[in-house]
């Protein structure tokens, strides 16, 4: 599930949507890059709230809301750039501007979920339409989505 549909709004609640390539850390925070001169950057400055949906065919459907922060830490910026570049390389027929990033042209955003609702699809019998959502209001209490090796965990700042 490399892509996420991100919904933002301005200070007057005018909506805006964008599809972003994202990465997730062990605390369920999501990261993506965006041009500092893009419309979504101005919206984040006006209203740092988001809603997002991610879908992986036959795997999972996820909805979430929360807040957006910009990350200024150079080390974290570079780590996410490497991770997202590797992720982009696994998507067939995808060329992201991410591979052309120059420090200062793009901003690293962190999506911090405050509410998540997910529906696993992989074990769902074909033709079953009854929703089976798992709702989590406090993501920090959720199990770790993926484990990183100890060396990566120790390099956090």
N, C-alpha and C. Protein backbone atom coordinates (compact mmCIF):
# COMPACT_ATOMS: atom_id res chain seq x y z
N UNK A 1 0.85 -1.17 0.00
CA UNK A 1 0.00 0.00 0.00
C UNK A 1 0.90 1.24 0.00
N UNK A 2 1.40 1.65 -1.15
CA UNK A 2 2.32 2.78 -1.16
C UNK A 2 1.65 4.15 -1.20
N UNK A 3 0.37 4.21 -1.60
CA UNK A 3 -0.27 5.51 -1.78
C UNK A 3 -1.41 5.74 -0.79
N UNK A 4 -1.64 7.01 -0.53
CA UNK A 4 -2.64 7.45 0.42
C UNK A 4 -3.36 8.64 -0.20
N UNK A 5 -4.67 8.69 -0.08
CA UNK A 5 -5.42 9.87 -0.51
C UNK A 5 -5.54 10.77 0.71
N UNK A 6 -5.00 11.94 0.60
CA UNK A 6 -4.93 12.90 1.70
C UNK A 6 -5.94 14.01 1.47
N UNK A 7 -6.74 14.30 2.48
CA UNK A 7 -7.72 15.39 2.40
C UNK A 7 -7.32 16.47 3.40
N UNK A 8 -7.23 17.69 2.89
CA UNK A 8 -6.92 18.87 3.71
C UNK A 8 -8.00 19.91 3.46
N UNK A 9 -8.01 20.95 4.26
CA UNK A 9 -8.92 22.07 3.99
C UNK A 9 -8.27 23.36 4.45
N UNK A 10 -8.73 24.46 3.86
CA UNK A 10 -8.17 25.75 4.25
C UNK A 10 -8.89 26.26 5.50
N UNK A 11 -8.57 27.47 5.91
CA UNK A 11 -9.15 28.03 7.13
C UNK A 11 -10.66 28.24 7.02
N UNK A 12 -11.20 28.24 5.80
CA UNK A 12 -12.65 28.40 5.59
C UNK A 12 -13.33 27.07 5.29
N UNK A 13 -12.63 25.97 5.52
CA UNK A 13 -13.12 24.60 5.32
C UNK A 13 -13.31 24.23 3.86
N UNK A 14 -12.67 24.94 2.92
CA UNK A 14 -12.73 24.55 1.52
C UNK A 14 -11.83 23.33 1.35
N UNK A 15 -12.37 22.20 0.84
CA UNK A 15 -11.60 20.96 0.78
C UNK A 15 -10.60 20.89 -0.36
N UNK A 16 -9.61 20.04 -0.17
CA UNK A 16 -8.57 19.78 -1.17
C UNK A 16 -8.10 18.34 -0.97
N UNK A 17 -7.85 17.64 -2.05
CA UNK A 17 -7.37 16.27 -1.95
C UNK A 17 -6.13 16.06 -2.78
N UNK A 18 -5.28 15.14 -2.35
CA UNK A 18 -4.06 14.80 -3.09
C UNK A 18 -3.70 13.35 -2.79
N UNK A 19 -3.09 12.71 -3.77
CA UNK A 19 -2.57 11.36 -3.56
C UNK A 19 -1.08 11.50 -3.29
N UNK A 20 -0.61 10.86 -2.22
CA UNK A 20 0.80 10.96 -1.85
C UNK A 20 1.39 9.57 -1.63
N UNK A 21 2.66 9.46 -1.93
CA UNK A 21 3.45 8.27 -1.61
C UNK A 21 3.87 8.43 -0.16
N UNK A 22 3.62 7.42 0.67
CA UNK A 22 3.89 7.59 2.10
C UNK A 22 4.71 6.45 2.67
N UNK A 23 5.25 6.72 3.85
CA UNK A 23 5.97 5.73 4.65
C UNK A 23 5.38 5.78 6.05
N UNK A 24 5.42 4.66 6.77
CA UNK A 24 4.87 4.61 8.11
C UNK A 24 5.95 4.15 9.09
N UNK A 25 5.98 4.79 10.27
CA UNK A 25 6.94 4.37 11.29
C UNK A 25 6.28 3.40 12.27
N UNK A 26 7.04 2.97 13.27
CA UNK A 26 6.54 1.99 14.22
C UNK A 26 5.47 2.55 15.16
N UNK A 27 5.28 3.86 15.18
CA UNK A 27 4.25 4.48 16.02
C UNK A 27 3.00 4.87 15.22
N UNK A 28 2.88 4.37 13.99
CA UNK A 28 1.74 4.62 13.10
C UNK A 28 1.71 6.04 12.54
N UNK A 29 2.79 6.79 12.66
CA UNK A 29 2.87 8.09 12.01
C UNK A 29 3.21 7.87 10.55
N UNK A 30 2.69 8.71 9.67
CA UNK A 30 2.92 8.59 8.24
C UNK A 30 3.73 9.79 7.76
N UNK A 31 4.59 9.56 6.77
CA UNK A 31 5.46 10.61 6.24
C UNK A 31 5.32 10.70 4.73
N UNK A 32 5.38 11.92 4.22
CA UNK A 32 5.41 12.14 2.78
C UNK A 32 6.10 13.47 2.50
N UNK A 33 6.53 13.63 1.26
CA UNK A 33 7.17 14.87 0.84
C UNK A 33 6.23 15.68 -0.02
N UNK A 34 6.39 17.00 0.03
CA UNK A 34 5.62 17.89 -0.82
C UNK A 34 6.41 19.16 -1.09
N UNK A 35 6.15 19.76 -2.22
CA UNK A 35 6.80 21.01 -2.61
C UNK A 35 6.37 22.13 -1.67
N UNK A 36 7.33 22.90 -1.19
CA UNK A 36 6.99 23.97 -0.25
C UNK A 36 6.17 25.08 -0.90
N UNK A 37 6.10 25.11 -2.23
CA UNK A 37 5.31 26.13 -2.92
C UNK A 37 3.98 25.58 -3.42
N UNK A 38 3.67 24.34 -3.08
CA UNK A 38 2.42 23.71 -3.51
C UNK A 38 1.25 24.17 -2.65
N UNK A 39 0.07 24.00 -3.21
CA UNK A 39 -1.16 24.38 -2.52
C UNK A 39 -1.31 23.66 -1.18
N UNK A 40 -0.94 22.38 -1.13
CA UNK A 40 -1.13 21.63 0.12
C UNK A 40 -0.27 22.19 1.25
N UNK A 41 0.89 22.76 0.93
CA UNK A 41 1.73 23.34 1.99
C UNK A 41 1.03 24.55 2.61
N UNK A 42 0.46 25.39 1.77
CA UNK A 42 -0.28 26.55 2.29
C UNK A 42 -1.46 26.10 3.15
N UNK A 43 -2.12 25.04 2.75
CA UNK A 43 -3.26 24.54 3.53
C UNK A 43 -2.82 24.00 4.88
N UNK A 44 -1.71 23.29 4.92
CA UNK A 44 -1.20 22.76 6.19
C UNK A 44 -0.88 23.90 7.15
N UNK A 45 -0.34 24.99 6.62
CA UNK A 45 -0.03 26.15 7.47
C UNK A 45 -1.31 26.80 8.00
N UNK A 46 -2.38 26.80 7.19
CA UNK A 46 -3.65 27.39 7.61
C UNK A 46 -4.42 26.51 8.58
N UNK A 47 -4.42 25.20 8.30
CA UNK A 47 -5.23 24.26 9.06
C UNK A 47 -4.49 22.92 9.12
N UNK A 48 -3.79 22.63 10.19
CA UNK A 48 -2.96 21.43 10.26
C UNK A 48 -3.74 20.14 10.58
N UNK A 49 -4.99 20.05 10.16
CA UNK A 49 -5.79 18.84 10.35
C UNK A 49 -5.88 18.08 9.03
N UNK A 50 -5.97 16.75 9.09
CA UNK A 50 -6.09 15.97 7.86
C UNK A 50 -7.08 14.83 8.05
N UNK A 51 -7.50 14.31 6.92
CA UNK A 51 -8.23 13.06 6.84
C UNK A 51 -7.57 12.29 5.71
N UNK A 52 -7.50 10.98 5.81
CA UNK A 52 -6.82 10.20 4.78
C UNK A 52 -7.47 8.83 4.63
N UNK A 53 -7.31 8.28 3.43
CA UNK A 53 -7.79 6.95 3.12
C UNK A 53 -6.71 6.21 2.34
N UNK A 54 -6.47 4.97 2.71
CA UNK A 54 -5.54 4.12 1.98
C UNK A 54 -6.25 2.80 1.70
N UNK A 55 -5.95 2.23 0.54
CA UNK A 55 -6.63 1.00 0.12
C UNK A 55 -5.65 0.12 -0.62
N UNK A 56 -5.58 -1.11 -0.22
CA UNK A 56 -4.77 -2.10 -0.93
C UNK A 56 -5.72 -3.21 -1.35
N UNK A 57 -5.88 -3.39 -2.65
CA UNK A 57 -6.83 -4.36 -3.18
C UNK A 57 -6.59 -5.73 -2.56
N UNK A 58 -7.65 -6.29 -1.97
CA UNK A 58 -7.57 -7.61 -1.37
C UNK A 58 -6.81 -7.69 -0.07
N UNK A 59 -6.38 -6.54 0.48
CA UNK A 59 -5.58 -6.56 1.70
C UNK A 59 -6.24 -5.79 2.83
N UNK A 60 -6.35 -4.45 2.69
CA UNK A 60 -6.87 -3.64 3.79
C UNK A 60 -7.43 -2.30 3.26
N UNK A 61 -8.38 -1.77 4.00
CA UNK A 61 -8.95 -0.45 3.74
C UNK A 61 -8.81 0.32 5.04
N UNK A 62 -8.19 1.51 4.99
CA UNK A 62 -7.91 2.28 6.20
C UNK A 62 -8.39 3.73 6.04
N UNK A 63 -9.02 4.25 7.07
CA UNK A 63 -9.41 5.66 7.14
C UNK A 63 -8.81 6.23 8.41
N UNK A 64 -8.43 7.51 8.37
CA UNK A 64 -7.86 8.12 9.57
C UNK A 64 -8.02 9.64 9.55
N UNK A 65 -7.95 10.22 10.72
CA UNK A 65 -7.92 11.67 10.88
C UNK A 65 -6.83 11.99 11.89
N UNK A 66 -6.36 13.23 11.86
CA UNK A 66 -5.33 13.65 12.80
C UNK A 66 -4.77 15.01 12.45
N UNK A 67 -3.51 15.21 12.82
CA UNK A 67 -2.88 16.50 12.56
C UNK A 67 -1.60 16.31 11.74
N UNK A 68 -1.22 17.39 11.07
CA UNK A 68 -0.03 17.38 10.21
C UNK A 68 1.04 18.27 10.83
N UNK A 69 2.28 17.79 10.80
CA UNK A 69 3.43 18.60 11.22
C UNK A 69 4.46 18.59 10.11
N UNK A 70 5.27 19.62 10.07
CA UNK A 70 6.42 19.61 9.16
C UNK A 70 7.64 19.22 9.98
N UNK A 71 8.54 18.47 9.35
CA UNK A 71 9.74 17.98 10.03
C UNK A 71 10.94 18.77 9.53
N UNK A 72 11.66 19.38 10.45
CA UNK A 72 12.83 20.19 10.11
C UNK A 72 14.14 19.44 10.31
N UNK A 73 14.11 18.34 11.02
CA UNK A 73 15.31 17.57 11.35
C UNK A 73 15.94 17.01 10.06
N UNK A 74 17.17 17.43 9.76
CA UNK A 74 17.86 17.04 8.53
C UNK A 74 18.08 15.53 8.47
N UNK A 75 18.47 14.94 9.58
CA UNK A 75 18.71 13.49 9.60
C UNK A 75 17.44 12.71 9.28
N UNK A 76 16.34 13.10 9.90
CA UNK A 76 15.07 12.41 9.65
C UNK A 76 14.62 12.64 8.20
N UNK A 77 14.82 13.85 7.69
CA UNK A 77 14.49 14.17 6.29
C UNK A 77 15.22 13.21 5.36
N UNK A 78 16.52 13.06 5.57
CA UNK A 78 17.33 12.19 4.71
C UNK A 78 16.95 10.72 4.85
N UNK A 79 16.64 10.28 6.06
CA UNK A 79 16.23 8.90 6.26
C UNK A 79 14.91 8.61 5.53
N UNK A 80 13.96 9.51 5.64
CA UNK A 80 12.67 9.31 4.96
C UNK A 80 12.83 9.40 3.45
N UNK A 81 13.72 10.25 2.98
CA UNK A 81 13.98 10.35 1.55
C UNK A 81 14.48 9.02 1.00
N UNK A 82 15.39 8.39 1.71
CA UNK A 82 15.92 7.09 1.29
C UNK A 82 14.81 6.04 1.32
N UNK A 83 14.05 5.98 2.43
CA UNK A 83 13.00 4.97 2.55
C UNK A 83 11.91 5.15 1.48
N UNK A 84 11.50 6.38 1.25
CA UNK A 84 10.46 6.61 0.23
C UNK A 84 10.98 6.40 -1.17
N UNK A 85 12.25 6.68 -1.41
CA UNK A 85 12.83 6.41 -2.73
C UNK A 85 12.85 4.91 -3.00
N UNK A 86 13.21 4.12 -1.99
CA UNK A 86 13.20 2.66 -2.14
C UNK A 86 11.77 2.15 -2.37
N UNK A 87 10.82 2.72 -1.64
CA UNK A 87 9.42 2.32 -1.81
C UNK A 87 8.94 2.66 -3.21
N UNK A 88 9.28 3.85 -3.70
CA UNK A 88 8.87 4.28 -5.04
C UNK A 88 9.44 3.35 -6.11
N UNK A 89 10.64 2.85 -5.88
CA UNK A 89 11.28 1.98 -6.86
C UNK A 89 10.57 0.64 -7.00
N UNK A 90 9.74 0.27 -6.02
CA UNK A 90 9.01 -1.00 -6.09
C UNK A 90 7.67 -0.88 -6.80
N UNK A 91 7.25 0.35 -7.12
CA UNK A 91 5.96 0.56 -7.77
C UNK A 91 6.16 0.62 -9.28
N UNK A 92 5.58 -0.35 -9.97
CA UNK A 92 5.73 -0.44 -11.42
C UNK A 92 5.14 0.79 -12.11
N UNK A 93 5.86 1.32 -13.09
CA UNK A 93 5.43 2.47 -13.91
C UNK A 93 5.24 3.75 -13.10
N UNK A 94 5.97 3.89 -12.00
CA UNK A 94 5.83 5.09 -11.18
C UNK A 94 7.14 5.84 -11.16
N UNK A 95 7.08 7.09 -11.54
CA UNK A 95 8.25 7.95 -11.44
C UNK A 95 7.84 9.15 -10.60
N UNK A 96 8.28 9.18 -9.37
CA UNK A 96 7.91 10.31 -8.52
C UNK A 96 8.92 11.45 -8.63
N UNK A 97 8.46 12.67 -8.47
CA UNK A 97 9.41 13.78 -8.39
C UNK A 97 10.33 13.62 -7.19
N UNK A 98 9.97 12.71 -6.29
CA UNK A 98 10.77 12.41 -5.11
C UNK A 98 12.23 12.13 -5.46
N UNK A 99 12.44 11.50 -6.60
CA UNK A 99 13.80 11.15 -6.99
C UNK A 99 14.62 12.37 -7.41
N UNK A 100 13.97 13.49 -7.57
CA UNK A 100 14.62 14.74 -7.95
C UNK A 100 14.72 15.74 -6.80
N UNK A 101 14.44 15.30 -5.60
CA UNK A 101 14.40 16.21 -4.46
C UNK A 101 15.74 16.87 -4.17
N UNK A 102 15.68 18.13 -3.89
CA UNK A 102 16.84 18.86 -3.40
C UNK A 102 16.44 19.48 -2.07
N UNK A 103 17.29 19.36 -1.09
CA UNK A 103 16.98 19.91 0.23
C UNK A 103 16.59 21.38 0.09
N UNK A 104 15.50 21.75 0.69
CA UNK A 104 15.03 23.12 0.63
C UNK A 104 13.90 23.31 -0.36
N UNK A 105 13.80 22.45 -1.38
CA UNK A 105 12.71 22.55 -2.35
C UNK A 105 11.46 21.84 -1.84
N UNK A 106 11.66 20.82 -1.02
CA UNK A 106 10.55 20.00 -0.55
C UNK A 106 10.52 19.96 0.97
N UNK A 107 9.32 19.73 1.47
CA UNK A 107 9.08 19.66 2.91
C UNK A 107 8.72 18.23 3.25
N UNK A 108 9.23 17.75 4.38
CA UNK A 108 8.84 16.45 4.91
C UNK A 108 7.67 16.68 5.87
N UNK A 109 6.56 16.01 5.61
CA UNK A 109 5.37 16.12 6.45
C UNK A 109 5.20 14.85 7.27
N UNK A 110 4.70 15.03 8.47
CA UNK A 110 4.39 13.91 9.35
C UNK A 110 2.90 13.97 9.66
N UNK A 111 2.18 12.90 9.34
CA UNK A 111 0.77 12.78 9.67
C UNK A 111 0.67 12.00 10.98
N UNK A 112 0.07 12.62 11.98
CA UNK A 112 -0.06 11.99 13.29
C UNK A 112 -1.52 11.62 13.49
N UNK A 113 -1.85 10.34 13.34
CA UNK A 113 -3.26 9.93 13.47
C UNK A 113 -3.77 10.07 14.89
N UNK A 114 -5.02 10.57 15.00
CA UNK A 114 -5.70 10.64 16.29
C UNK A 114 -6.87 9.67 16.32
N UNK A 115 -7.26 9.19 15.15
CA UNK A 115 -8.35 8.22 15.01
C UNK A 115 -8.07 7.40 13.76
N UNK A 116 -8.18 6.09 13.88
CA UNK A 116 -7.97 5.20 12.74
C UNK A 116 -9.09 4.17 12.73
N UNK A 117 -9.55 3.88 11.53
CA UNK A 117 -10.54 2.83 11.33
C UNK A 117 -10.03 1.97 10.19
N UNK A 118 -9.94 0.67 10.40
CA UNK A 118 -9.39 -0.22 9.38
C UNK A 118 -10.28 -1.44 9.19
N UNK A 119 -10.30 -1.93 7.95
CA UNK A 119 -11.04 -3.15 7.63
C UNK A 119 -10.11 -4.09 6.88
N UNK A 120 -9.75 -5.22 7.49
CA UNK A 120 -8.94 -6.20 6.77
C UNK A 120 -9.78 -6.83 5.67
N UNK A 121 -9.18 -7.01 4.51
CA UNK A 121 -9.89 -7.57 3.36
C UNK A 121 -9.34 -8.93 2.94
N UNK A 122 -8.14 -9.27 3.39
CA UNK A 122 -7.49 -10.49 2.91
C UNK A 122 -8.22 -11.77 3.31
N UNK A 123 -8.88 -11.78 4.46
CA UNK A 123 -9.59 -12.99 4.89
C UNK A 123 -11.10 -12.88 4.68
N UNK A 124 -11.52 -11.90 3.97
CA UNK A 124 -12.94 -11.64 3.74
C UNK A 124 -13.48 -12.57 2.64
N UNK A 125 -14.52 -13.33 2.91
CA UNK A 125 -15.09 -14.18 1.86
C UNK A 125 -15.64 -13.35 0.70
N UNK A 126 -15.44 -13.83 -0.50
CA UNK A 126 -15.91 -13.12 -1.68
C UNK A 126 -17.42 -12.93 -1.58
N UNK A 127 -17.88 -11.72 -1.85
CA UNK A 127 -19.30 -11.42 -1.81
C UNK A 127 -19.80 -10.96 -0.45
N UNK A 128 -18.96 -10.97 0.56
CA UNK A 128 -19.38 -10.50 1.88
C UNK A 128 -19.36 -8.98 1.90
N UNK A 129 -20.46 -8.37 2.22
CA UNK A 129 -20.55 -6.92 2.18
C UNK A 129 -20.71 -6.29 3.56
N UNK A 130 -20.83 -7.11 4.58
CA UNK A 130 -20.97 -6.57 5.92
C UNK A 130 -19.64 -5.94 6.35
N UNK A 131 -19.66 -4.65 6.69
CA UNK A 131 -18.40 -4.01 7.10
C UNK A 131 -17.90 -4.58 8.42
N UNK A 132 -16.60 -4.79 8.50
CA UNK A 132 -15.96 -5.31 9.72
C UNK A 132 -14.83 -4.37 10.10
N UNK A 133 -15.16 -3.15 10.44
CA UNK A 133 -14.15 -2.16 10.77
C UNK A 133 -13.64 -2.34 12.19
N UNK A 134 -12.36 -2.13 12.36
CA UNK A 134 -11.73 -2.05 13.66
C UNK A 134 -11.46 -0.57 13.89
N UNK A 135 -12.02 -0.01 14.94
CA UNK A 135 -11.85 1.43 15.20
C UNK A 135 -10.92 1.64 16.38
N UNK A 136 -9.96 2.52 16.17
CA UNK A 136 -8.98 2.83 17.20
C UNK A 136 -8.98 4.34 17.39
N UNK A 137 -9.30 4.79 18.58
CA UNK A 137 -9.34 6.22 18.83
C UNK A 137 -8.03 6.76 19.37
N UNK A 138 -7.21 5.90 19.94
CA UNK A 138 -5.91 6.32 20.45
C UNK A 138 -4.84 5.46 19.81
N UNK A 139 -4.31 5.86 18.64
CA UNK A 139 -3.34 5.02 17.94
C UNK A 139 -2.10 4.64 18.74
N UNK A 140 -1.69 5.47 19.72
CA UNK A 140 -0.49 5.14 20.48
C UNK A 140 -0.67 3.84 21.28
N UNK A 141 -1.90 3.38 21.44
CA UNK A 141 -2.16 2.14 22.16
C UNK A 141 -2.23 0.94 21.22
N UNK A 142 -2.02 1.15 19.94
CA UNK A 142 -2.12 0.08 18.96
C UNK A 142 -0.84 -0.74 18.91
N UNK A 143 -0.94 -1.98 18.43
CA UNK A 143 0.27 -2.78 18.27
C UNK A 143 1.15 -2.20 17.18
N UNK A 144 2.42 -2.47 17.26
CA UNK A 144 3.38 -1.98 16.27
C UNK A 144 3.06 -2.57 14.90
N UNK A 145 2.93 -1.72 13.84
CA UNK A 145 2.56 -2.22 12.53
C UNK A 145 3.67 -3.00 11.85
N UNK A 146 4.91 -2.63 12.08
CA UNK A 146 6.03 -3.35 11.49
C UNK A 146 7.24 -3.11 12.38
N UNK A 147 8.12 -4.06 12.43
CA UNK A 147 9.29 -3.93 13.28
C UNK A 147 10.48 -3.50 12.44
N UNK A 148 11.26 -2.60 12.99
CA UNK A 148 12.52 -2.19 12.37
C UNK A 148 13.63 -2.90 13.14
N UNK A 149 14.76 -3.09 12.47
CA UNK A 149 15.84 -3.75 13.20
C UNK A 149 16.38 -2.82 14.27
N UNK A 150 17.10 -3.36 15.23
CA UNK A 150 17.57 -2.59 16.39
C UNK A 150 18.45 -1.42 15.98
N UNK A 151 19.27 -1.60 14.96
CA UNK A 151 20.15 -0.53 14.52
C UNK A 151 19.33 0.68 14.06
N UNK A 152 18.26 0.48 13.30
CA UNK A 152 17.42 1.58 12.85
C UNK A 152 16.74 2.24 14.03
N UNK A 153 16.28 1.47 15.00
CA UNK A 153 15.57 2.02 16.15
C UNK A 153 16.49 2.90 16.98
N UNK A 154 17.76 2.53 17.09
CA UNK A 154 18.70 3.30 17.90
C UNK A 154 19.09 4.61 17.25
N UNK A 155 18.91 4.76 15.94
CA UNK A 155 19.33 5.98 15.25
C UNK A 155 18.29 7.08 15.31
N UNK A 156 17.17 6.84 15.98
CA UNK A 156 16.14 7.87 16.07
C UNK A 156 16.64 9.06 16.88
N UNK A 157 16.15 10.24 16.50
CA UNK A 157 16.49 11.43 17.27
C UNK A 157 15.27 11.97 17.95
